[in-house]
Amino acid sequence: MLTRELREYAETPDRFAPIPEGSSVTRYEDARVCFLQGEEWGSVSAVSVEADEVEQLVDQVRGLARSRNYVWWIGPSSRPADLVDRLQALGFTEPRDRAGTLHAVALTEEPRASPPEIAVTRIAAFDDWAAAHEVEWDAFETPPERREVGRARARDDFEEAMAVGVPVGFLARLDGKPAATAMAVPSERGVYLIAGAVAPWARGRGLYRALVRARWDFAVARGTPALVTQANPWTSYPILARVGFEDVCTIRRLEDPGR
């Protein structure tokens, strides 16, 4: 059942993400905005201002941002109602990842079990962490220069994740070979799914569904049996719909190139 709390969580998951002590992730939040950011990324959500306050809020976020790489996530509860148009008038554009529209979805019923030939484990060793990122980079055709940056940060990122417990990583193997990966961000309302990726050679074998099931089991074990995510309509959304995820709302994403 999609409760009001779960719908709110699916639309604005950053508001409910844990920020453990020692994490490189920070959150600025007040009644007007939620700005979650890491070392090289940021996301702005839960915007609620008057129409004549939009430009002022943009300036405020620019002053808070650690990196140029941040995106505004705009859902149906955002204010003003024409926020997308107002941001575009200020020069905001479609994000560089070209995912300008996402579907917020939620799952509250147990999905099917994983295919028996797929082994999914929770990442607890650096070798698995590194292998998972290689799978992710292959899946998204990440350019060599960004892979090198990621490899240079990998040990620090792994150690932080293990120390603070967020994000929780999963690695799926097919015939003993790393084939897919995904992460989970737990909260009191459920688990937010991020970073799902399947190696090109392994697609069509049920790996994405297996990773959903693994994270469902993780959510149930925590006592928060609900999954939410914001899915690309052309890639993950059709799979999630077949798994049993229900639509919550549509999210628009815009990047601020002016910072």
C-alpha atoms as a PDB file:
ATOM      1  CA  MET A   1       0.000   0.000   0.000  1.00  0.00           C
ATOM      2  CA  LEU A   2       1.348   3.391  -1.013  1.00  0.00           C
ATOM      3  CA  THR A   3       0.899   5.492   2.101  1.00  0.00           C
ATOM      4  CA  ARG A   4       1.294   9.264   2.168  1.00  0.00           C
ATOM      5  CA  GLU A   5       4.636   8.817   3.937  1.00  0.00           C
ATOM      6  CA  LEU A   6       5.907   6.417   1.288  1.00  0.00           C
ATOM      7  CA  ARG A   7       4.831   8.711  -1.538  1.00  0.00           C
ATOM      8  CA  GLU A   8       6.641  11.582   0.144  1.00  0.00           C
ATOM      9  CA  TYR A   9       9.734   9.398   0.517  1.00  0.00           C
ATOM     10  CA  ALA A  10       9.668   8.355  -3.146  1.00  0.00           C
ATOM     11  CA  GLU A  11       9.406  11.959  -4.336  1.00  0.00           C
ATOM     12  CA  THR A  12      12.051  13.444  -2.016  1.00  0.00           C
ATOM     13  CA  PRO A  13      14.301  10.620  -0.749  1.00  0.00           C
ATOM     14  CA  ASP A  14      17.169  13.008   0.081  1.00  0.00           C
ATOM     15  CA  ARG A  15      15.153  14.423   2.979  1.00  0.00           C
ATOM     16  CA  PHE A  16      15.165  11.028   4.692  1.00  0.00           C
ATOM     17  CA  ALA A  17      18.658   9.757   3.863  1.00  0.00           C
ATOM     18  CA  PRO A  18      20.876   9.124   6.897  1.00  0.00           C
ATOM     19  CA  ILE A  19      23.909  11.392   7.297  1.00  0.00           C
ATOM     20  CA  PRO A  20      26.171   9.441   9.676  1.00  0.00           C
ATOM     21  CA  GLU A  21      28.941  11.138  11.573  1.00  0.00           C
ATOM     22  CA  GLY A  22      32.154  10.914   9.563  1.00  0.00           C
ATOM     23  CA  SER A  23      30.392  10.829   6.188  1.00  0.00           C
ATOM     24  CA  SER A  24      31.610  13.061   3.356  1.00  0.00           C
ATOM     25  CA  VAL A  25      27.937  13.615   2.462  1.00  0.00           C
ATOM     26  CA  THR A  26      26.280  16.697   3.930  1.00  0.00           C
ATOM     27  CA  ARG A  27      22.735  17.996   3.894  1.00  0.00           C
ATOM     28  CA  TYR A  28      21.454  21.544   4.133  1.00  0.00           C
ATOM     29  CA  GLU A  29      17.726  21.568   4.782  1.00  0.00           C
ATOM     30  CA  ASP A  30      15.110  24.073   5.809  1.00  0.00           C
ATOM     31  CA  ALA A  31      11.474  24.721   4.903  1.00  0.00           C
ATOM     32  CA  ARG A  32      12.547  26.038   1.491  1.00  0.00           C
ATOM     33  CA  VAL A  33      14.964  23.434   0.112  1.00  0.00           C
ATOM     34  CA  CYS A  34      16.945  20.254   0.701  1.00  0.00           C
ATOM     35  CA  PHE A  35      20.499  20.200  -0.681  1.00  0.00           C
ATOM     36  CA  LEU A  36      22.340  16.893  -0.351  1.00  0.00           C
ATOM     37  CA  GLN A  37      25.903  16.765  -1.634  1.00  0.00           C
ATOM     38  CA  GLY A  38      29.080  14.736  -1.703  1.00  0.00           C
ATOM     39  CA  GLU A  39      32.574  15.600  -2.827  1.00  0.00           C
ATOM     40  CA  GLU A  40      31.753  15.674  -6.550  1.00  0.00           C
ATOM     41  CA  TRP A  41      27.947  15.716  -6.809  1.00  0.00           C
ATOM     42  CA  GLY A  42      24.892  17.390  -5.370  1.00  0.00           C
ATOM     43  CA  SER A  43      21.115  17.229  -5.575  1.00  0.00           C
ATOM     44  CA  VAL A  44      18.564  19.926  -4.805  1.00  0.00           C
ATOM     45  CA  SER A  45      15.020  18.844  -3.953  1.00  0.00           C
ATOM     46  CA  ALA A  46      11.925  19.655  -1.854  1.00  0.00           C
ATOM     47  CA  VAL A  47      11.857  23.230  -3.174  1.00  0.00           C
ATOM     48  CA  SER A  48       9.087  25.357  -1.674  1.00  0.00           C
ATOM     49  CA  VAL A  49       9.381  29.107  -2.199  1.00  0.00           C
ATOM     50  CA  GLU A  50       7.318  31.971  -3.556  1.00  0.00           C
ATOM     51  CA  ALA A  51       7.670  32.780  -7.239  1.00  0.00           C
ATOM     52  CA  ASP A  52       9.669  35.921  -6.543  1.00  0.00           C
ATOM     53  CA  GLU A  53      12.099  33.968  -4.331  1.00  0.00           C
ATOM     54  CA  VAL A  54      13.324  31.483  -6.946  1.00  0.00           C
ATOM     55  CA  GLU A  55      16.298  33.533  -8.125  1.00  0.00           C
ATOM     56  CA  GLN A  56      17.367  34.203  -4.551  1.00  0.00           C
ATOM     57  CA  LEU A  57      17.230  30.469  -3.792  1.00  0.00           C
ATOM     58  CA  VAL A  58      19.334  29.695  -6.860  1.00  0.00           C
ATOM     59  CA  ASP A  59      21.988  32.116  -5.598  1.00  0.00           C
ATOM     60  CA  GLN A  60      21.853  30.561  -2.126  1.00  0.00           C
ATOM     61  CA  VAL A  61      22.372  27.043  -3.503  1.00  0.00           C
ATOM     62  CA  ARG A  62      25.268  28.223  -5.663  1.00  0.00           C
ATOM     63  CA  GLY A  63      26.898  29.588  -2.544  1.00  0.00           C
ATOM     64  CA  LEU A  64      26.478  26.274  -0.718  1.00  0.00           C
ATOM     65  CA  ALA A  65      27.653  24.027  -3.562  1.00  0.00           C
ATOM     66  CA  ARG A  66      31.000  22.271  -3.287  1.00  0.00           C
ATOM     67  CA  SER A  67      30.971  21.177  -6.921  1.00  0.00           C
ATOM     68  CA  ARG A  68      29.612  22.300 -10.274  1.00  0.00           C
ATOM     69  CA  ASN A  69      28.066  18.866 -10.679  1.00  0.00           C
ATOM     70  CA  TYR A  70      24.661  19.288  -9.049  1.00  0.00           C
ATOM     71  CA  VAL A  71      21.099  18.863 -10.285  1.00  0.00           C
ATOM     72  CA  TRP A  72      17.696  20.129  -9.183  1.00  0.00           C
ATOM     73  CA  TRP A  73      14.996  17.438  -8.768  1.00  0.00           C
ATOM     74  CA  ILE A  74      11.510  18.870  -9.217  1.00  0.00           C
ATOM     75  CA  GLY A  75       8.409  16.896  -8.260  1.00  0.00           C
ATOM     76  CA  PRO A  76       4.693  17.688  -8.040  1.00  0.00           C
ATOM     77  CA  SER A  77       4.975  19.101  -4.513  1.00  0.00           C
ATOM     78  CA  SER A  78       7.619  21.645  -5.568  1.00  0.00           C
ATOM     79  CA  ARG A  79       6.666  25.299  -5.401  1.00  0.00           C
ATOM     80  CA  PRO A  80       6.084  27.465  -7.313  1.00  0.00           C
ATOM     81  CA  ALA A  81       4.102  25.329  -9.758  1.00  0.00           C
ATOM     82  CA  ASP A  82       6.038  26.779 -12.705  1.00  0.00           C
ATOM     83  CA  LEU A  83       9.458  26.146 -11.114  1.00  0.00           C
ATOM     84  CA  VAL A  84      10.747  24.275 -14.176  1.00  0.00           C
ATOM     85  CA  ASP A  85       9.925  27.202 -16.453  1.00  0.00           C
ATOM     86  CA  ARG A  86      11.477  29.706 -14.064  1.00  0.00           C
ATOM     87  CA  LEU A  87      14.708  27.732 -13.759  1.00  0.00           C
ATOM     88  CA  GLN A  88      14.934  27.323 -17.521  1.00  0.00           C
ATOM     89  CA  ALA A  89      14.507  31.077 -17.879  1.00  0.00           C
ATOM     90  CA  LEU A  90      17.563  31.423 -15.609  1.00  0.00           C
ATOM     91  CA  GLY A  91      19.599  29.232 -17.949  1.00  0.00           C
ATOM     92  CA  PHE A  92      19.065  25.792 -16.422  1.00  0.00           C
ATOM     93  CA  THR A  93      19.366  22.941 -18.921  1.00  0.00           C
ATOM     94  CA  GLU A  94      18.860  19.199 -19.210  1.00  0.00           C
ATOM     95  CA  PRO A  95      21.453  17.346 -17.118  1.00  0.00           C
ATOM     96  CA  ARG A  96      24.608  16.089 -18.785  1.00  0.00           C
ATOM     97  CA  ASP A  97      23.450  12.512 -18.185  1.00  0.00           C
ATOM     98  CA  ARG A  98      20.421  13.340 -20.392  1.00  0.00           C
ATOM     99  CA  ALA A  99      17.996  11.967 -17.775  1.00  0.00           C
ATOM    100  CA  GLY A 100      15.710  14.985 -17.704  1.00  0.00           C
ATOM    101  CA  THR A 101      12.607  13.057 -16.633  1.00  0.00           C
ATOM    102  CA  LEU A 102      12.359  10.197 -14.143  1.00  0.00           C
ATOM    103  CA  HIS A 103       9.504   8.165 -12.676  1.00  0.00           C
ATOM    104  CA  ALA A 104       9.388   7.920  -8.884  1.00  0.00           C
ATOM    105  CA  VAL A 105       8.197   4.407  -8.029  1.00  0.00           C
ATOM    106  CA  ALA A 106       7.702   2.274  -4.924  1.00  0.00           C
ATOM    107  CA  LEU A 107       7.439  -1.408  -4.064  1.00  0.00           C
ATOM    108  CA  THR A 108       5.598  -2.742  -1.013  1.00  0.00           C
ATOM    109  CA  GLU A 109       5.029  -6.372  -2.072  1.00  0.00           C
ATOM    110  CA  GLU A 110       7.640  -9.129  -2.091  1.00  0.00           C
ATOM    111  CA  PRO A 111       9.167  -9.553  -5.580  1.00  0.00           C
ATOM    112  CA  ARG A 112       9.993 -12.888  -7.181  1.00  0.00           C
ATOM    113  CA  ALA A 113      13.037 -14.819  -6.057  1.00  0.00           C
ATOM    114  CA  SER A 114      16.285 -14.438  -8.018  1.00  0.00           C
ATOM    115  CA  PRO A 115      17.181 -16.911 -10.784  1.00  0.00           C
ATOM    116  CA  PRO A 116      19.189 -19.716  -9.113  1.00  0.00           C
ATOM    117  CA  GLU A 117      22.224 -19.223 -11.348  1.00  0.00           C
ATOM    118  CA  ILE A 118      22.737 -15.662 -10.061  1.00  0.00           C
ATOM    119  CA  ALA A 119      24.668 -15.156  -6.821  1.00  0.00           C
ATOM    120  CA  VAL A 120      24.165 -11.784  -5.110  1.00  0.00           C
ATOM    121  CA  THR A 121      26.325 -10.788  -2.152  1.00  0.00           C
ATOM    122  CA  ARG A 122      26.539  -7.691  -0.010  1.00  0.00           C
ATOM    123  CA  ILE A 123      29.847  -5.936  -0.598  1.00  0.00           C
ATOM    124  CA  ALA A 124      32.190  -6.148   2.366  1.00  0.00           C
ATOM    125  CA  ALA A 125      35.633  -6.427   0.714  1.00  0.00           C
ATOM    126  CA  PHE A 126      37.547  -3.887  -1.321  1.00  0.00           C
ATOM    127  CA  ASP A 127      38.043  -6.268  -4.262  1.00  0.00           C
ATOM    128  CA  ASP A 128      34.277  -6.614  -4.636  1.00  0.00           C
ATOM    129  CA  TRP A 129      33.841  -2.838  -4.317  1.00  0.00           C
ATOM    130  CA  ALA A 130      36.377  -2.267  -7.094  1.00  0.00           C
ATOM    131  CA  ALA A 131      34.852  -4.986  -9.294  1.00  0.00           C
ATOM    132  CA  ALA A 132      31.384  -3.472  -8.837  1.00  0.00           C
ATOM    133  CA  HIS A 133      32.583  -0.096 -10.034  1.00  0.00           C
ATOM    134  CA  GLU A 134      34.250  -1.605 -13.090  1.00  0.00           C
ATOM    135  CA  VAL A 135      30.906  -3.222 -13.959  1.00  0.00           C
ATOM    136  CA  GLU A 136      29.115   0.094 -13.447  1.00  0.00           C
ATOM    137  CA  TRP A 137      31.587   1.995 -15.634  1.00  0.00           C
ATOM    138  CA  ASP A 138      31.275  -0.583 -18.409  1.00  0.00           C
ATOM    139  CA  ALA A 139      27.475  -0.476 -18.210  1.00  0.00           C
ATOM    140  CA  PHE A 140      27.349   3.311 -18.530  1.00  0.00           C
ATOM    141  CA  GLU A 141      30.267   3.587 -20.977  1.00  0.00           C
ATOM    142  CA  THR A 142      32.117   5.870 -18.561  1.00  0.00           C
ATOM    143  CA  PRO A 143      35.024   7.695 -20.269  1.00  0.00           C
ATOM    144  CA  PRO A 144      38.583   6.652 -19.345  1.00  0.00           C
ATOM    145  CA  GLU A 145      39.412   9.911 -17.550  1.00  0.00           C
ATOM    146  CA  ARG A 146      36.431   9.556 -15.190  1.00  0.00           C
ATOM    147  CA  ARG A 147      37.345   5.925 -14.515  1.00  0.00           C
ATOM    148  CA  GLU A 148      40.819   6.980 -13.468  1.00  0.00           C
ATOM    149  CA  VAL A 149      39.389   9.528 -11.045  1.00  0.00           C
ATOM    150  CA  GLY A 150      37.079   6.858  -9.645  1.00  0.00           C
ATOM    151  CA  ARG A 151      39.894   4.345  -9.249  1.00  0.00           C
ATOM    152  CA  ALA A 152      42.012   6.924  -7.420  1.00  0.00           C
ATOM    153  CA  ARG A 153      39.153   7.532  -4.960  1.00  0.00           C
ATOM    154  CA  ALA A 154      38.031   3.911  -4.665  1.00  0.00           C
ATOM    155  CA  ARG A 155      39.910   2.948  -1.503  1.00  0.00           C
ATOM    156  CA  ASP A 156      38.795   6.069   0.381  1.00  0.00           C
ATOM    157  CA  ASP A 157      35.184   5.661  -0.800  1.00  0.00           C
ATOM    158  CA  PHE A 158      35.162   1.993   0.243  1.00  0.00           C
ATOM    159  CA  GLU A 159      36.590   2.685   3.668  1.00  0.00           C
ATOM    160  CA  GLU A 160      34.096   5.466   4.297  1.00  0.00           C
ATOM    161  CA  ALA A 161      31.155   3.294   3.221  1.00  0.00           C
ATOM    162  CA  MET A 162      32.279   0.497   5.518  1.00  0.00           C
ATOM    163  CA  ALA A 163      32.821   2.909   8.416  1.00  0.00           C
ATOM    164  CA  VAL A 164      29.511   4.780   8.222  1.00  0.00           C
ATOM    165  CA  GLY A 165      27.351   2.024   6.691  1.00  0.00           C
ATOM    166  CA  VAL A 166      26.092   4.060   3.734  1.00  0.00           C
ATOM    167  CA  PRO A 167      25.702   3.304   0.910  1.00  0.00           C
ATOM    168  CA  VAL A 168      25.233  -0.453   1.089  1.00  0.00           C
ATOM    169  CA  GLY A 169      26.625  -2.137  -2.024  1.00  0.00           C
ATOM    170  CA  PHE A 170      25.626  -5.386  -3.720  1.00  0.00           C
ATOM    171  CA  LEU A 171      27.456  -7.393  -6.375  1.00  0.00           C
ATOM    172  CA  ALA A 172      25.827 -10.032  -8.576  1.00  0.00           C
ATOM    173  CA  ARG A 173      27.854 -12.771 -10.243  1.00  0.00           C
ATOM    174  CA  LEU A 174      26.927 -14.943 -13.188  1.00  0.00           C
ATOM    175  CA  ASP A 175      29.024 -18.070 -13.720  1.00  0.00           C
ATOM    176  CA  GLY A 176      31.327 -16.722 -11.021  1.00  0.00           C
ATOM    177  CA  LYS A 177      32.025 -13.486 -12.896  1.00  0.00           C
ATOM    178  CA  PRO A 178      31.008  -9.987 -11.652  1.00  0.00           C
ATOM    179  CA  ALA A 179      28.049  -9.114 -13.845  1.00  0.00           C
ATOM    180  CA  ALA A 180      25.882  -6.473 -12.131  1.00  0.00           C
ATOM    181  CA  THR A 181      25.891  -4.118  -9.190  1.00  0.00           C
ATOM    182  CA  ALA A 182      23.604  -1.830  -7.230  1.00  0.00           C
ATOM    183  CA  MET A 183      23.481   0.172  -4.012  1.00  0.00           C
ATOM    184  CA  ALA A 184      20.951   0.888  -1.292  1.00  0.00           C
ATOM    185  CA  VAL A 185      20.473   3.861   1.025  1.00  0.00           C
ATOM    186  CA  PRO A 186      18.425   2.801   4.066  1.00  0.00           C
ATOM    187  CA  SER A 187      16.099   5.090   5.986  1.00  0.00           C
ATOM    188  CA  GLU A 188      13.362   4.839   8.593  1.00  0.00           C
ATOM    189  CA  ARG A 189      10.752   4.770   5.808  1.00  0.00           C
ATOM    190  CA  GLY A 190      12.325   2.126   3.592  1.00  0.00           C
ATOM    191  CA  VAL A 191      15.289   1.684   1.277  1.00  0.00           C
ATOM    192  CA  TYR A 192      16.199   3.943  -1.635  1.00  0.00           C
ATOM    193  CA  LEU A 193      17.690   2.136  -4.633  1.00  0.00           C
ATOM    194  CA  ILE A 194      20.581   3.720  -6.542  1.00  0.00           C
ATOM    195  CA  ALA A 195      23.341   2.869  -8.995  1.00  0.00           C
ATOM    196  CA  GLY A 196      21.861  -0.273 -10.563  1.00  0.00           C
ATOM    197  CA  ALA A 197      23.982  -1.423 -13.504  1.00  0.00           C
ATOM    198  CA  VAL A 198      24.343  -4.611 -15.548  1.00  0.00           C
ATOM    199  CA  ALA A 199      27.388  -5.409 -17.684  1.00  0.00           C
ATOM    200  CA  PRO A 200      26.545  -5.351 -21.406  1.00  0.00           C
ATOM    201  CA  TRP A 201      27.501  -9.024 -21.860  1.00  0.00           C
ATOM    202  CA  ALA A 202      25.129 -10.124 -19.073  1.00  0.00           C
ATOM    203  CA  ARG A 203      21.930  -8.263 -19.946  1.00  0.00           C
ATOM    204  CA  GLY A 204      18.656 -10.091 -20.346  1.00  0.00           C
ATOM    205  CA  ARG A 205      19.537 -12.737 -17.744  1.00  0.00           C
ATOM    206  CA  GLY A 206      17.556 -11.430 -14.755  1.00  0.00           C
ATOM    207  CA  LEU A 207      20.435  -9.712 -12.964  1.00  0.00           C
ATOM    208  CA  TYR A 208      18.655  -6.407 -12.413  1.00  0.00           C
ATOM    209  CA  ARG A 209      15.684  -8.230 -10.881  1.00  0.00           C
ATOM    210  CA  ALA A 210      18.053 -10.235  -8.680  1.00  0.00           C
ATOM    211  CA  LEU A 211      19.527  -7.029  -7.292  1.00  0.00           C
ATOM    212  CA  VAL A 212      16.049  -5.690  -6.561  1.00  0.00           C
ATOM    213  CA  ARG A 213      15.254  -8.882  -4.662  1.00  0.00           C
ATOM    214  CA  ALA A 214      18.500  -8.673  -2.677  1.00  0.00           C
ATOM    215  CA  ARG A 215      17.687  -5.128  -1.615  1.00  0.00           C
ATOM    216  CA  TRP A 216      14.117  -6.105  -0.762  1.00  0.00           C
ATOM    217  CA  ASP A 217      15.499  -8.801   1.535  1.00  0.00           C
ATOM    218  CA  PHE A 218      17.797  -6.178   3.061  1.00  0.00           C
ATOM    219  CA  ALA A 219      14.827  -3.852   3.662  1.00  0.00           C
ATOM    220  CA  VAL A 220      12.777  -6.641   5.252  1.00  0.00           C
ATOM    221  CA  ALA A 221      15.671  -7.624   7.529  1.00  0.00           C
ATOM    222  CA  ARG A 222      15.826  -3.999   8.736  1.00  0.00           C
ATOM    223  CA  GLY A 223      12.094  -3.947   9.470  1.00  0.00           C
ATOM    224  CA  THR A 224      11.377  -1.396   6.698  1.00  0.00           C
ATOM    225  CA  PRO A 225       9.771  -3.494   3.912  1.00  0.00           C
ATOM    226  CA  ALA A 226       9.502  -0.873   1.179  1.00  0.00           C
ATOM    227  CA  LEU A 227      11.690   0.108  -1.766  1.00  0.00           C
ATOM    228  CA  VAL A 228      11.647   3.421  -3.620  1.00  0.00           C
ATOM    229  CA  THR A 229      13.642   4.761  -6.526  1.00  0.00           C
ATOM    230  CA  GLN A 230      13.520   7.253  -9.374  1.00  0.00           C
ATOM    231  CA  ALA A 231      13.778   5.387 -12.635  1.00  0.00           C
ATOM    232  CA  ASN A 232      14.774   6.305 -16.178  1.00  0.00           C
ATOM    233  CA  PRO A 233      11.707   5.725 -18.385  1.00  0.00           C
ATOM    234  CA  TRP A 234      13.830   4.166 -21.133  1.00  0.00           C
ATOM    235  CA  THR A 235      16.014   1.804 -19.097  1.00  0.00           C
ATOM    236  CA  SER A 236      15.169   0.688 -15.552  1.00  0.00           C
ATOM    237  CA  TYR A 237      11.522   1.780 -15.404  1.00  0.00           C
ATOM    238  CA  PRO A 238      10.090  -0.992 -17.643  1.00  0.00           C
ATOM    239  CA  ILE A 239      11.940  -3.626 -15.591  1.00  0.00           C
ATOM    240  CA  LEU A 240      10.753  -2.183 -12.291  1.00  0.00           C
ATOM    241  CA  ALA A 241       7.163  -2.012 -13.541  1.00  0.00           C
ATOM    242  CA  ARG A 242       7.301  -5.723 -14.385  1.00  0.00           C
ATOM    243  CA  VAL A 243       8.757  -6.477 -10.945  1.00  0.00           C
ATOM    244  CA  GLY A 244       5.742  -4.801  -9.323  1.00  0.00           C
ATOM    245  CA  PHE A 245       6.798  -1.219  -8.554  1.00  0.00           C
ATOM    246  CA  GLU A 246       3.938   1.279  -8.546  1.00  0.00           C
ATOM    247  CA  ASP A 247       4.049   4.787  -9.984  1.00  0.00           C
ATOM    248  CA  VAL A 248       4.206   7.626  -7.486  1.00  0.00           C
ATOM    249  CA  CYS A 249       4.974  10.726  -9.551  1.00  0.00           C
ATOM    250  CA  THR A 250       7.125  12.193 -12.303  1.00  0.00           C
ATOM    251  CA  ILE A 251      10.346  14.027 -11.484  1.00  0.00           C
ATOM    252  CA  ARG A 252      11.945  16.668 -13.699  1.00  0.00           C
ATOM    253  CA  ARG A 253      15.706  17.226 -13.437  1.00  0.00           C
ATOM    254  CA  LEU A 254      17.563  20.387 -14.408  1.00  0.00           C
ATOM    255  CA  GLU A 255      21.233  21.286 -14.118  1.00  0.00           C
ATOM    256  CA  ASP A 256      22.554  24.737 -13.278  1.00  0.00           C
ATOM    257  CA  PRO A 257      25.369  25.459 -15.763  1.00  0.00           C
ATOM    258  CA  GLY A 258      25.785  28.977 -14.429  1.00  0.00           C
ATOM    259  CA  ARG A 259      27.556  28.094 -11.215  1.00  0.00           C
END
